[in-house]
Amino acid sequence: IVAIDIFTGKKLEDLCPTSHNLEVPFVTKTEYQVIDVSADGEVSLLKEDGSTKDDLNLPTIVKSGAAEPTEDDKKCAAEMEKAMADGKTVHAIVQAACGEEKIIGHKITD
């Protein structure tokens, strides 16, 4: 089985007999309004219930040992930072699966 990691873009392979079952991850995408992007890349998001979510970074900030950010990650982070600096409303699209979360996209409105 060949797959692409949904967080890093790395191509992965696994050998498994056809008689075995495989686990399939439950993937969710959620949209949050961006409140602030700090100088070190930490992102503050507004949840639907009015509370904040402060445990995510821009897509260009990777964990140690993880793959380098993709061109899409770099483009997304740069556009988000520019839009926030210009005073526009930014919504981050967050993908979650297997206990991990990552900003994978954004929407900008005036």
PDB file of N, CA and C in Angstrom:
ATOM      1  N   ILE A   1       0.857  -1.163   0.000  1.00  0.00           N
ATOM      2  CA  ILE A   1       0.000   0.000   0.000  1.00  0.00           C
ATOM      3  C   ILE A   1       0.909   1.233   0.000  1.00  0.00           C
ATOM      4  N   VAL A   2       0.599   2.160  -0.860  1.00  0.00           N
ATOM      5  CA  VAL A   2       1.347   3.410  -0.943  1.00  0.00           C
ATOM      6  C   VAL A   2       0.404   4.541  -0.549  1.00  0.00           C
ATOM      7  N   ALA A   3       0.889   5.460   0.286  1.00  0.00           N
ATOM      8  CA  ALA A   3       0.057   6.565   0.751  1.00  0.00           C
ATOM      9  C   ALA A   3       0.895   7.831   0.857  1.00  0.00           C
ATOM     10  N   ILE A   4       0.213   8.965   0.863  1.00  0.00           N
ATOM     11  CA  ILE A   4       0.848  10.263   1.079  1.00  0.00           C
ATOM     12  C   ILE A   4       0.403  10.774   2.451  1.00  0.00           C
ATOM     13  N   ASP A   5       1.369  11.123   3.310  1.00  0.00           N
ATOM     14  CA  ASP A   5       1.061  11.657   4.641  1.00  0.00           C
ATOM     15  C   ASP A   5       0.321  12.981   4.484  1.00  0.00           C
ATOM     16  N   ILE A   6      -0.843  13.120   5.125  1.00  0.00           N
ATOM     17  CA  ILE A   6      -1.670  14.318   4.947  1.00  0.00           C
ATOM     18  C   ILE A   6      -1.108  15.539   5.668  1.00  0.00           C
ATOM     19  N   PHE A   7      -0.111  15.371   6.530  1.00  0.00           N
ATOM     20  CA  PHE A   7       0.482  16.496   7.240  1.00  0.00           C
ATOM     21  C   PHE A   7       1.830  16.913   6.663  1.00  0.00           C
ATOM     22  N   THR A   8       2.623  15.956   6.174  1.00  0.00           N
ATOM     23  CA  THR A   8       3.969  16.277   5.691  1.00  0.00           C
ATOM     24  C   THR A   8       4.115  16.165   4.183  1.00  0.00           C
ATOM     25  N   GLY A   9       3.203  15.439   3.530  1.00  0.00           N
ATOM     26  CA  GLY A   9       3.318  15.238   2.092  1.00  0.00           C
ATOM     27  C   GLY A   9       4.288  14.126   1.723  1.00  0.00           C
ATOM     28  N   LYS A  10       4.866  13.446   2.723  1.00  0.00           N
ATOM     29  CA  LYS A  10       5.814  12.372   2.448  1.00  0.00           C
ATOM     30  C   LYS A  10       5.086  11.137   1.914  1.00  0.00           C
ATOM     31  N   LYS A  11       5.730  10.459   0.972  1.00  0.00           N
ATOM     32  CA  LYS A  11       5.201   9.217   0.410  1.00  0.00           C
ATOM     33  C   LYS A  11       5.638   8.067   1.323  1.00  0.00           C
ATOM     34  N   LEU A  12       4.674   7.247   1.734  1.00  0.00           N
ATOM     35  CA  LEU A  12       4.951   6.128   2.640  1.00  0.00           C
ATOM     36  C   LEU A  12       4.455   4.826   2.035  1.00  0.00           C
ATOM     37  N   GLU A  13       5.132   3.720   2.392  1.00  0.00           N
ATOM     38  CA  GLU A  13       4.738   2.407   1.900  1.00  0.00           C
ATOM     39  C   GLU A  13       4.582   1.442   3.065  1.00  0.00           C
ATOM     40  N   ASP A  14       3.658   0.496   2.914  1.00  0.00           N
ATOM     41  CA  ASP A  14       3.456  -0.527   3.932  1.00  0.00           C
ATOM     42  C   ASP A  14       3.100  -1.827   3.225  1.00  0.00           C
ATOM     43  N   LEU A  15       3.655  -2.899   3.704  1.00  0.00           N
ATOM     44  CA  LEU A  15       3.332  -4.220   3.165  1.00  0.00           C
ATOM     45  C   LEU A  15       2.368  -4.901   4.122  1.00  0.00           C
ATOM     46  N   CYS A  16       1.254  -5.364   3.596  1.00  0.00           N
ATOM     47  CA  CYS A  16       0.242  -5.988   4.431  1.00  0.00           C
ATOM     48  C   CYS A  16      -0.502  -7.032   3.600  1.00  0.00           C
ATOM     49  N   PRO A  17      -0.694  -8.216   4.142  1.00  0.00           N
ATOM     50  CA  PRO A  17      -1.446  -9.232   3.397  1.00  0.00           C
ATOM     51  C   PRO A  17      -2.877  -8.765   3.134  1.00  0.00           C
ATOM     52  N   THR A  18      -3.440  -9.171   2.026  1.00  0.00           N
ATOM     53  CA  THR A  18      -4.799  -8.753   1.671  1.00  0.00           C
ATOM     54  C   THR A  18      -5.841  -9.338   2.607  1.00  0.00           C
ATOM     55  N   SER A  19      -5.470 -10.354   3.377  1.00  0.00           N
ATOM     56  CA  SER A  19      -6.424 -10.957   4.303  1.00  0.00           C
ATOM     57  C   SER A  19      -6.555 -10.162   5.603  1.00  0.00           C
ATOM     58  N   HIS A  20      -5.691  -9.161   5.828  1.00  0.00           N
ATOM     59  CA  HIS A  20      -5.725  -8.377   7.057  1.00  0.00           C
ATOM     60  C   HIS A  20      -6.526  -7.096   6.861  1.00  0.00           C
ATOM     61  N   ASN A  21      -7.129  -6.654   7.946  1.00  0.00           N
ATOM     62  CA  ASN A  21      -7.843  -5.372   7.925  1.00  0.00           C
ATOM     63  C   ASN A  21      -6.866  -4.252   8.263  1.00  0.00           C
ATOM     64  N   LEU A  22      -7.139  -3.081   7.737  1.00  0.00           N
ATOM     65  CA  LEU A  22      -6.322  -1.909   8.033  1.00  0.00           C
ATOM     66  C   LEU A  22      -7.164  -0.866   8.745  1.00  0.00           C
ATOM     67  N   GLU A  23      -6.526  -0.115   9.643  1.00  0.00           N
ATOM     68  CA  GLU A  23      -7.228   0.970  10.310  1.00  0.00           C
ATOM     69  C   GLU A  23      -7.224   2.194   9.397  1.00  0.00           C
ATOM     70  N   VAL A  24      -8.322   2.905   9.399  1.00  0.00           N
ATOM     71  CA  VAL A  24      -8.458   4.103   8.585  1.00  0.00           C
ATOM     72  C   VAL A  24      -8.643   5.286   9.534  1.00  0.00           C
ATOM     73  N   PRO A  25      -7.839   6.340   9.370  1.00  0.00           N
ATOM     74  CA  PRO A  25      -7.972   7.484  10.282  1.00  0.00           C
ATOM     75  C   PRO A  25      -9.249   8.277  10.016  1.00  0.00           C
ATOM     76  N   PHE A  26      -9.759   8.884  11.057  1.00  0.00           N
ATOM     77  CA  PHE A  26     -10.916   9.777  10.953  1.00  0.00           C
ATOM     78  C   PHE A  26     -10.346  11.190  10.817  1.00  0.00           C
ATOM     79  N   VAL A  27     -10.554  11.811   9.671  1.00  0.00           N
ATOM     80  CA  VAL A  27      -9.980  13.124   9.376  1.00  0.00           C
ATOM     81  C   VAL A  27     -11.083  14.169   9.401  1.00  0.00           C
ATOM     82  N   THR A  28     -10.822  15.289  10.108  1.00  0.00           N
ATOM     83  CA  THR A  28     -11.787  16.390  10.142  1.00  0.00           C
ATOM     84  C   THR A  28     -11.113  17.675   9.676  1.00  0.00           C
ATOM     85  N   LYS A  29     -11.907  18.544   9.091  1.00  0.00           N
ATOM     86  CA  LYS A  29     -11.439  19.879   8.718  1.00  0.00           C
ATOM     87  C   LYS A  29     -12.359  20.879   9.396  1.00  0.00           C
ATOM     88  N   THR A  30     -11.774  21.845  10.091  1.00  0.00           N
ATOM     89  CA  THR A  30     -12.531  22.850  10.820  1.00  0.00           C
ATOM     90  C   THR A  30     -11.996  24.222  10.448  1.00  0.00           C
ATOM     91  N   GLU A  31     -12.912  25.182  10.343  1.00  0.00           N
ATOM     92  CA  GLU A  31     -12.517  26.546  10.010  1.00  0.00           C
ATOM     93  C   GLU A  31     -12.635  27.426  11.256  1.00  0.00           C
ATOM     94  N   TYR A  32     -11.562  28.154  11.557  1.00  0.00           N
ATOM     95  CA  TYR A  32     -11.530  29.061  12.708  1.00  0.00           C
ATOM     96  C   TYR A  32     -11.125  30.460  12.234  1.00  0.00           C
ATOM     97  N   GLN A  33     -11.634  31.480  12.911  1.00  0.00           N
ATOM     98  CA  GLN A  33     -11.179  32.842  12.629  1.00  0.00           C
ATOM     99  C   GLN A  33      -9.839  33.058  13.322  1.00  0.00           C
ATOM    100  N   VAL A  34      -8.896  33.664  12.604  1.00  0.00           N
ATOM    101  CA  VAL A  34      -7.583  33.949  13.172  1.00  0.00           C
ATOM    102  C   VAL A  34      -7.660  35.271  13.932  1.00  0.00           C
ATOM    103  N   ILE A  35      -7.278  35.231  15.216  1.00  0.00           N
ATOM    104  CA  ILE A  35      -7.272  36.433  16.050  1.00  0.00           C
ATOM    105  C   ILE A  35      -5.914  37.122  15.943  1.00  0.00           C
ATOM    106  N   ASP A  36      -4.839  36.324  16.003  1.00  0.00           N
ATOM    107  CA  ASP A  36      -3.503  36.901  16.010  1.00  0.00           C
ATOM    108  C   ASP A  36      -2.483  35.885  15.516  1.00  0.00           C
ATOM    109  N   VAL A  37      -1.424  36.406  14.879  1.00  0.00           N
ATOM    110  CA  VAL A  37      -0.265  35.599  14.509  1.00  0.00           C
ATOM    111  C   VAL A  37       0.940  36.277  15.147  1.00  0.00           C
ATOM    112  N   SER A  38       1.601  35.587  16.074  1.00  0.00           N
ATOM    113  CA  SER A  38       2.740  36.188  16.770  1.00  0.00           C
ATOM    114  C   SER A  38       3.990  36.136  15.895  1.00  0.00           C
ATOM    115  N   ALA A  39       5.013  36.861  16.312  1.00  0.00           N
ATOM    116  CA  ALA A  39       6.265  36.930  15.552  1.00  0.00           C
ATOM    117  C   ALA A  39       6.951  35.569  15.449  1.00  0.00           C
ATOM    118  N   ASP A  40       6.747  34.705  16.443  1.00  0.00           N
ATOM    119  CA  ASP A  40       7.382  33.378  16.407  1.00  0.00           C
ATOM    120  C   ASP A  40       6.515  32.310  15.741  1.00  0.00           C
ATOM    121  N   GLY A  41       5.408  32.725  15.110  1.00  0.00           N
ATOM    122  CA  GLY A  41       4.594  31.792  14.330  1.00  0.00           C
ATOM    123  C   GLY A  41       3.436  31.156  15.048  1.00  0.00           C
ATOM    124  N   GLU A  42       3.219  31.494  16.321  1.00  0.00           N
ATOM    125  CA  GLU A  42       2.076  30.933  17.040  1.00  0.00           C
ATOM    126  C   GLU A  42       0.802  31.630  16.581  1.00  0.00           C
ATOM    127  N   VAL A  43      -0.250  30.832  16.377  1.00  0.00           N
ATOM    128  CA  VAL A  43      -1.518  31.354  15.868  1.00  0.00           C
ATOM    129  C   VAL A  43      -2.583  31.237  16.943  1.00  0.00           C
ATOM    130  N   SER A  44      -3.322  32.320  17.155  1.00  0.00           N
ATOM    131  CA  SER A  44      -4.439  32.322  18.098  1.00  0.00           C
ATOM    132  C   SER A  44      -5.724  32.303  17.279  1.00  0.00           C
ATOM    133  N   LEU A  45      -6.566  31.307  17.530  1.00  0.00           N
ATOM    134  CA  LEU A  45      -7.789  31.101  16.755  1.00  0.00           C
ATOM    135  C   LEU A  45      -9.019  31.262  17.636  1.00  0.00           C
ATOM    136  N   LEU A  46     -10.118  31.700  17.030  1.00  0.00           N
ATOM    137  CA  LEU A  46     -11.383  31.864  17.743  1.00  0.00           C
ATOM    138  C   LEU A  46     -12.304  30.696  17.403  1.00  0.00           C
ATOM    139  N   LYS A  47     -12.725  29.956  18.441  1.00  0.00           N
ATOM    140  CA  LYS A  47     -13.649  28.838  18.250  1.00  0.00           C
ATOM    141  C   LYS A  47     -15.084  29.350  18.147  1.00  0.00           C
ATOM    142  N   GLU A  48     -15.994  28.484  17.721  1.00  0.00           N
ATOM    143  CA  GLU A  48     -17.402  28.860  17.582  1.00  0.00           C
ATOM    144  C   GLU A  48     -18.037  29.253  18.909  1.00  0.00           C
ATOM    145  N   ASP A  49     -17.588  28.635  20.000  1.00  0.00           N
ATOM    146  CA  ASP A  49     -18.173  28.946  21.311  1.00  0.00           C
ATOM    147  C   ASP A  49     -17.593  30.212  21.948  1.00  0.00           C
ATOM    148  N   GLY A  50     -16.694  30.902  21.242  1.00  0.00           N
ATOM    149  CA  GLY A  50     -16.125  32.147  21.736  1.00  0.00           C
ATOM    150  C   GLY A  50     -14.807  31.980  22.476  1.00  0.00           C
ATOM    151  N   SER A  51     -14.408  30.746  22.752  1.00  0.00           N
ATOM    152  CA  SER A  51     -13.122  30.524  23.421  1.00  0.00           C
ATOM    153  C   SER A  51     -11.994  30.550  22.378  1.00  0.00           C
ATOM    154  N   THR A  52     -10.770  30.599  22.859  1.00  0.00           N
ATOM    155  CA  THR A  52      -9.641  30.647  21.937  1.00  0.00           C
ATOM    156  C   THR A  52      -8.915  29.315  21.881  1.00  0.00           C
ATOM    157  N   LYS A  53      -8.262  29.103  20.773  1.00  0.00           N
ATOM    158  CA  LYS A  53      -7.443  27.906  20.549  1.00  0.00           C
ATOM    159  C   LYS A  53      -6.040  28.416  20.261  1.00  0.00           C
ATOM    160  N   ASP A  54      -5.103  28.137  21.152  1.00  0.00           N
ATOM    161  CA  ASP A  54      -3.765  28.701  21.054  1.00  0.00           C
ATOM    162  C   ASP A  54      -2.669  27.647  20.924  1.00  0.00           C
ATOM    163  N   ASP A  55      -2.992  26.466  20.428  1.00  0.00           N
ATOM    164  CA  ASP A  55      -2.009  25.393  20.380  1.00  0.00           C
ATOM    165  C   ASP A  55      -1.500  25.071  18.977  1.00  0.00           C
ATOM    166  N   LEU A  56      -1.724  25.965  18.014  1.00  0.00           N
ATOM    167  CA  LEU A  56      -1.266  25.720  16.646  1.00  0.00           C
ATOM    168  C   LEU A  56      -0.263  26.781  16.215  1.00  0.00           C
ATOM    169  N   ASN A  57       0.579  26.407  15.252  1.00  0.00           N
ATOM    170  CA  ASN A  57       1.547  27.319  14.662  1.00  0.00           C
ATOM    171  C   ASN A  57       1.250  27.472  13.176  1.00  0.00           C
ATOM    172  N   LEU A  58       1.896  28.458  12.563  1.00  0.00           N
ATOM    173  CA  LEU A  58       1.806  28.588  11.111  1.00  0.00           C
ATOM    174  C   LEU A  58       2.326  27.296  10.475  1.00  0.00           C
ATOM    175  N   PRO A  59       1.881  26.977   9.261  1.00  0.00           N
ATOM    176  CA  PRO A  59       2.314  25.721   8.626  1.00  0.00           C
ATOM    177  C   PRO A  59       3.822  25.627   8.387  1.00  0.00           C
ATOM    178  N   THR A  60       4.530  26.752   8.407  1.00  0.00           N
ATOM    179  CA  THR A  60       5.976  26.718   8.179  1.00  0.00           C
ATOM    180  C   THR A  60       6.760  26.319   9.425  1.00  0.00           C
ATOM    181  N   ILE A  61       6.108  26.318  10.589  1.00  0.00           N
ATOM    182  CA  ILE A  61       6.768  25.902  11.835  1.00  0.00           C
ATOM    183  C   ILE A  61       6.536  24.400  11.989  1.00  0.00           C
ATOM    184  N   VAL A  62       7.609  23.619  11.841  1.00  0.00           N
ATOM    185  CA  VAL A  62       7.484  22.158  11.907  1.00  0.00           C
ATOM    186  C   VAL A  62       8.119  21.630  13.188  1.00  0.00           C
ATOM    187  N   LYS A  63       7.584  20.499  13.648  1.00  0.00           N
ATOM    188  CA  LYS A  63       8.145  19.845  14.827  1.00  0.00           C
ATOM    189  C   LYS A  63       9.514  19.283  14.478  1.00  0.00           C
ATOM    190  N   SER A  64      10.364  19.118  15.480  1.00  0.00           N
ATOM    191  CA  SER A  64      11.678  18.535  15.222  1.00  0.00           C
ATOM    192  C   SER A  64      11.502  17.112  14.704  1.00  0.00           C
ATOM    193  N   GLY A  65      12.251  16.791  13.684  1.00  0.00           N
ATOM    194  CA  GLY A  65      12.163  15.466  13.082  1.00  0.00           C
ATOM    195  C   GLY A  65      11.117  15.352  11.988  1.00  0.00           C
ATOM    196  N   ALA A  66      10.276  16.358  11.844  1.00  0.00           N
ATOM    197  CA  ALA A  66       9.250  16.328  10.797  1.00  0.00           C
ATOM    198  C   ALA A  66       9.856  16.812   9.484  1.00  0.00           C
ATOM    199  N   ALA A  67       9.132  16.582   8.418  1.00  0.00           N
ATOM    200  CA  ALA A  67       9.588  17.003   7.095  1.00  0.00           C
ATOM    201  C   ALA A  67       9.601  18.523   7.006  1.00  0.00           C
ATOM    202  N   GLU A  68      10.361  19.024   6.058  1.00  0.00           N
ATOM    203  CA  GLU A  68      10.413  20.460   5.820  1.00  0.00           C
ATOM    204  C   GLU A  68       9.060  20.948   5.323  1.00  0.00           C
ATOM    205  N   PRO A  69       8.732  22.237   5.544  1.00  0.00           N
ATOM    206  CA  PRO A  69       7.459  22.760   5.041  1.00  0.00           C
ATOM    207  C   PRO A  69       7.424  22.729   3.512  1.00  0.00           C
ATOM    208  N   THR A  70       6.250  22.453   2.964  1.00  0.00           N
ATOM    209  CA  THR A  70       6.091  22.419   1.510  1.00  0.00           C
ATOM    210  C   THR A  70       5.951  23.842   0.976  1.00  0.00           C
ATOM    211  N   GLU A  71       5.994  23.983  -0.333  1.00  0.00           N
ATOM    212  CA  GLU A  71       5.797  25.298  -0.957  1.00  0.00           C
ATOM    213  C   GLU A  71       4.411  25.841  -0.617  1.00  0.00           C
ATOM    214  N   ASP A  72       3.406  24.955  -0.587  1.00  0.00           N
ATOM    215  CA  ASP A  72       2.049  25.369  -0.217  1.00  0.00           C
ATOM    216  C   ASP A  72       2.007  25.890   1.220  1.00  0.00           C
ATOM    217  N   ASP A  73       2.754  25.233   2.131  1.00  0.00           N
ATOM    218  CA  ASP A  73       2.820  25.676   3.519  1.00  0.00           C
ATOM    219  C   ASP A  73       3.407  27.089   3.601  1.00  0.00           C
ATOM    220  N   LYS A  74       4.500  27.300   2.878  1.00  0.00           N
ATOM    221  CA  LYS A  74       5.166  28.606   2.890  1.00  0.00           C
ATOM    222  C   LYS A  74       4.257  29.688   2.319  1.00  0.00           C
ATOM    223  N   LYS A  75       3.567  29.360   1.223  1.00  0.00           N
ATOM    224  CA  LYS A  75       2.665  30.325   0.584  1.00  0.00           C
ATOM    225  C   LYS A  75       1.500  30.666   1.522  1.00  0.00           C
ATOM    226  N   CYS A  76       0.916  29.662   2.141  1.00  0.00           N
ATOM    227  CA  CYS A  76      -0.214  29.848   3.060  1.00  0.00           C
ATOM    228  C   CYS A  76       0.199  30.735   4.229  1.00  0.00           C
ATOM    229  N   ALA A  77       1.349  30.449   4.843  1.00  0.00           N
ATOM    230  CA  ALA A  77       1.817  31.225   5.996  1.00  0.00           C
ATOM    231  C   ALA A  77       2.069  32.679   5.607  1.00  0.00           C
ATOM    232  N   ALA A  78       2.713  32.893   4.469  1.00  0.00           N
ATOM    233  CA  ALA A  78       3.021  34.259   4.028  1.00  0.00           C
ATOM    234  C   ALA A  78       1.746  35.049   3.751  1.00  0.00           C
ATOM    235  N   GLU A  79       0.766  34.416   3.099  1.00  0.00           N
ATOM    236  CA  GLU A  79      -0.497  35.092   2.797  1.00  0.00           C
ATOM    237  C   GLU A  79      -1.284  35.415   4.069  1.00  0.00           C
ATOM    238  N   MET A  80      -1.263  34.497   5.038  1.00  0.00           N
ATOM    239  CA  MET A  80      -1.959  34.737   6.304  1.00  0.00           C
ATOM    240  C   MET A  80      -1.327  35.911   7.049  1.00  0.00           C
ATOM    241  N   GLU A  81       0.001  35.924   7.131  1.00  0.00           N
ATOM    242  CA  GLU A  81       0.694  37.009   7.843  1.00  0.00           C
ATOM    243  C   GLU A  81       0.442  38.356   7.172  1.00  0.00           C
ATOM    244  N   LYS A  82       0.489  38.389   5.841  1.00  0.00           N
ATOM    245  CA  LYS A  82       0.268  39.640   5.111  1.00  0.00           C
ATOM    246  C   LYS A  82      -1.162  40.143   5.314  1.00  0.00           C
ATOM    247  N   ALA A  83      -2.131  39.244   5.217  1.00  0.00           N
ATOM    248  CA  ALA A  83      -3.534  39.634   5.389  1.00  0.00           C
ATOM    249  C   ALA A  83      -3.791  40.158   6.801  1.00  0.00           C
ATOM    250  N   MET A  84      -3.213  39.522   7.804  1.00  0.00           N
ATOM    251  CA  MET A  84      -3.379  39.989   9.187  1.00  0.00           C
ATOM    252  C   MET A  84      -2.749  41.375   9.354  1.00  0.00           C
ATOM    253  N   ALA A  85      -1.570  41.581   8.754  1.00  0.00           N
ATOM    254  CA  ALA A  85      -0.902  42.877   8.841  1.00  0.00           C
ATOM    255  C   ALA A  85      -1.715  43.964   8.145  1.00  0.00           C
ATOM    256  N   ASP A  86      -2.444  43.579   7.090  1.00  0.00           N
ATOM    257  CA  ASP A  86      -3.278  44.530   6.343  1.00  0.00           C
ATOM    258  C   ASP A  86      -4.635  44.765   7.008  1.00  0.00           C
ATOM    259  N   GLY A  87      -4.904  44.094   8.123  1.00  0.00           N
ATOM    260  CA  GLY A  87      -6.148  44.288   8.855  1.00  0.00           C
ATOM    261  C   GLY A  87      -7.345  43.546   8.283  1.00  0.00           C
ATOM    262  N   LYS A  88      -7.095  42.544   7.462  1.00  0.00           N
ATOM    263  CA  LYS A  88      -8.191  41.767   6.874  1.00  0.00           C
ATOM    264  C   LYS A  88      -8.598  40.639   7.818  1.00  0.00           C
ATOM    265  N   THR A  89      -9.799  40.097   7.591  1.00  0.00           N
ATOM    266  CA  THR A  89     -10.277  38.964   8.382  1.00  0.00           C
ATOM    267  C   THR A  89      -9.772  37.676   7.738  1.00  0.00           C
ATOM    268  N   VAL A  90      -9.121  36.860   8.532  1.00  0.00           N
ATOM    269  CA  VAL A  90      -8.536  35.612   8.034  1.00  0.00           C
ATOM    270  C   VAL A  90      -9.174  34.440   8.769  1.00  0.00           C
ATOM    271  N   HIS A  91      -9.560  33.413   8.015  1.00  0.00           N
ATOM    272  CA  HIS A  91     -10.052  32.155   8.586  1.00  0.00           C
ATOM    273  C   HIS A  91      -9.059  31.060   8.224  1.00  0.00           C
ATOM    274  N   ALA A  92      -8.619  30.299   9.219  1.00  0.00           N
ATOM    275  CA  ALA A  92      -7.686  29.197   9.001  1.00  0.00           C
ATOM    276  C   ALA A  92      -8.462  27.890   8.882  1.00  0.00           C
ATOM    277  N   ILE A  93      -8.061  27.066   7.950  1.00  0.00           N
ATOM    278  CA  ILE A  93      -8.658  25.737   7.781  1.00  0.00           C
ATOM    279  C   ILE A  93      -7.698  24.742   8.435  1.00  0.00           C
ATOM    280  N   VAL A  94      -8.194  24.068   9.483  1.00  0.00           N
ATOM    281  CA  VAL A  94      -7.364  23.162  10.282  1.00  0.00           C
ATOM    282  C   VAL A  94      -7.795  21.720  10.014  1.00  0.00           C
ATOM    283  N   GLN A  95      -6.826  20.904   9.657  1.00  0.00           N
ATOM    284  CA  GLN A  95      -7.073  19.475   9.427  1.00  0.00           C
ATOM    285  C   GLN A  95      -6.569  18.710  10.648  1.00  0.00           C
ATOM    286  N   ALA A  96      -7.383  17.767  11.137  1.00  0.00           N
ATOM    287  CA  ALA A  96      -7.016  16.985  12.321  1.00  0.00           C
ATOM    288  C   ALA A  96      -7.215  15.505  12.052  1.00  0.00           C
ATOM    289  N   ALA A  97      -6.253  14.699  12.506  1.00  0.00           N
ATOM    290  CA  ALA A  97      -6.339  13.237  12.404  1.00  0.00           C
ATOM    291  C   ALA A  97      -5.264  12.624  13.285  1.00  0.00           C
ATOM    292  N   CYS A  98      -5.554  11.509  13.886  1.00  0.00           N
ATOM    293  CA  CYS A  98      -4.582  10.728  14.668  1.00  0.00           C
ATOM    294  C   CYS A  98      -3.887  11.561  15.747  1.00  0.00           C
ATOM    295  N   GLY A  99      -4.617  12.477  16.364  1.00  0.00           N
ATOM    296  CA  GLY A  99      -4.044  13.277  17.427  1.00  0.00           C
ATOM    297  C   GLY A  99      -3.166  14.430  16.967  1.00  0.00           C
ATOM    298  N   GLU A 100      -3.102  14.685  15.670  1.00  0.00           N
ATOM    299  CA  GLU A 100      -2.317  15.796  15.134  1.00  0.00           C
ATOM    300  C   GLU A 100      -3.248  16.811  14.493  1.00  0.00           C
ATOM    301  N   GLU A 101      -2.812  18.070  14.478  1.00  0.00           N
ATOM    302  CA  GLU A 101      -3.556  19.131  13.815  1.00  0.00           C
ATOM    303  C   GLU A 101      -2.582  20.008  13.039  1.00  0.00           C
ATOM    304  N   LYS A 102      -3.056  20.549  11.921  1.00  0.00           N
ATOM    305  CA  LYS A 102      -2.213  21.425  11.108  1.00  0.00           C
ATOM    306  C   LYS A 102      -3.094  22.372  10.317  1.00  0.00           C
ATOM    307  N   ILE A 103      -2.641  23.626  10.193  1.00  0.00           N
ATOM    308  CA  ILE A 103      -3.321  24.576   9.323  1.00  0.00           C
ATOM    309  C   ILE A 103      -2.947  24.221   7.888  1.00  0.00           C
ATOM    310  N   ILE A 104      -3.951  23.899   7.081  1.00  0.00           N
ATOM    311  CA  ILE A 104      -3.680  23.480   5.699  1.00  0.00           C
ATOM    312  C   ILE A 104      -4.137  24.491   4.672  1.00  0.00           C
ATOM    313  N   GLY A 105      -4.862  25.500   5.111  1.00  0.00           N
ATOM    314  CA  GLY A 105      -5.342  26.502   4.171  1.00  0.00           C
ATOM    315  C   GLY A 105      -5.931  27.691   4.906  1.00  0.00           C
ATOM    316  N   HIS A 106      -6.420  28.645   4.135  1.00  0.00           N
ATOM    317  CA  HIS A 106      -7.000  29.844   4.729  1.00  0.00           C
ATOM    318  C   HIS A 106      -7.968  30.505   3.761  1.00  0.00           C
ATOM    319  N   LYS A 107      -8.801  31.394   4.313  1.00  0.00           N
ATOM    320  CA  LYS A 107      -9.717  32.214   3.537  1.00  0.00           C
ATOM    321  C   LYS A 107      -9.539  33.638   4.028  1.00  0.00           C
ATOM    322  N   ILE A 108      -9.498  34.582   3.103  1.00  0.00           N
ATOM    323  CA  ILE A 108      -9.321  35.985   3.465  1.00  0.00           C
ATOM    324  C   ILE A 108     -10.541  36.765   3.017  1.00  0.00           C
ATOM    325  N   THR A 109     -11.101  37.563   3.947  1.00  0.00           N
ATOM    326  CA  THR A 109     -12.217  38.436   3.616  1.00  0.00           C
ATOM    327  C   THR A 109     -11.891  39.847   4.094  1.00  0.00           C
ATOM    328  N   ASP A 110     -12.555  40.828   3.517  1.00  0.00           N
ATOM    329  CA  ASP A 110     -12.280  42.230   3.897  1.00  0.00           C
ATOM    330  C   ASP A 110     -13.063  42.665   5.084  1.00  0.00           C
TER     331      ASP A 110
END
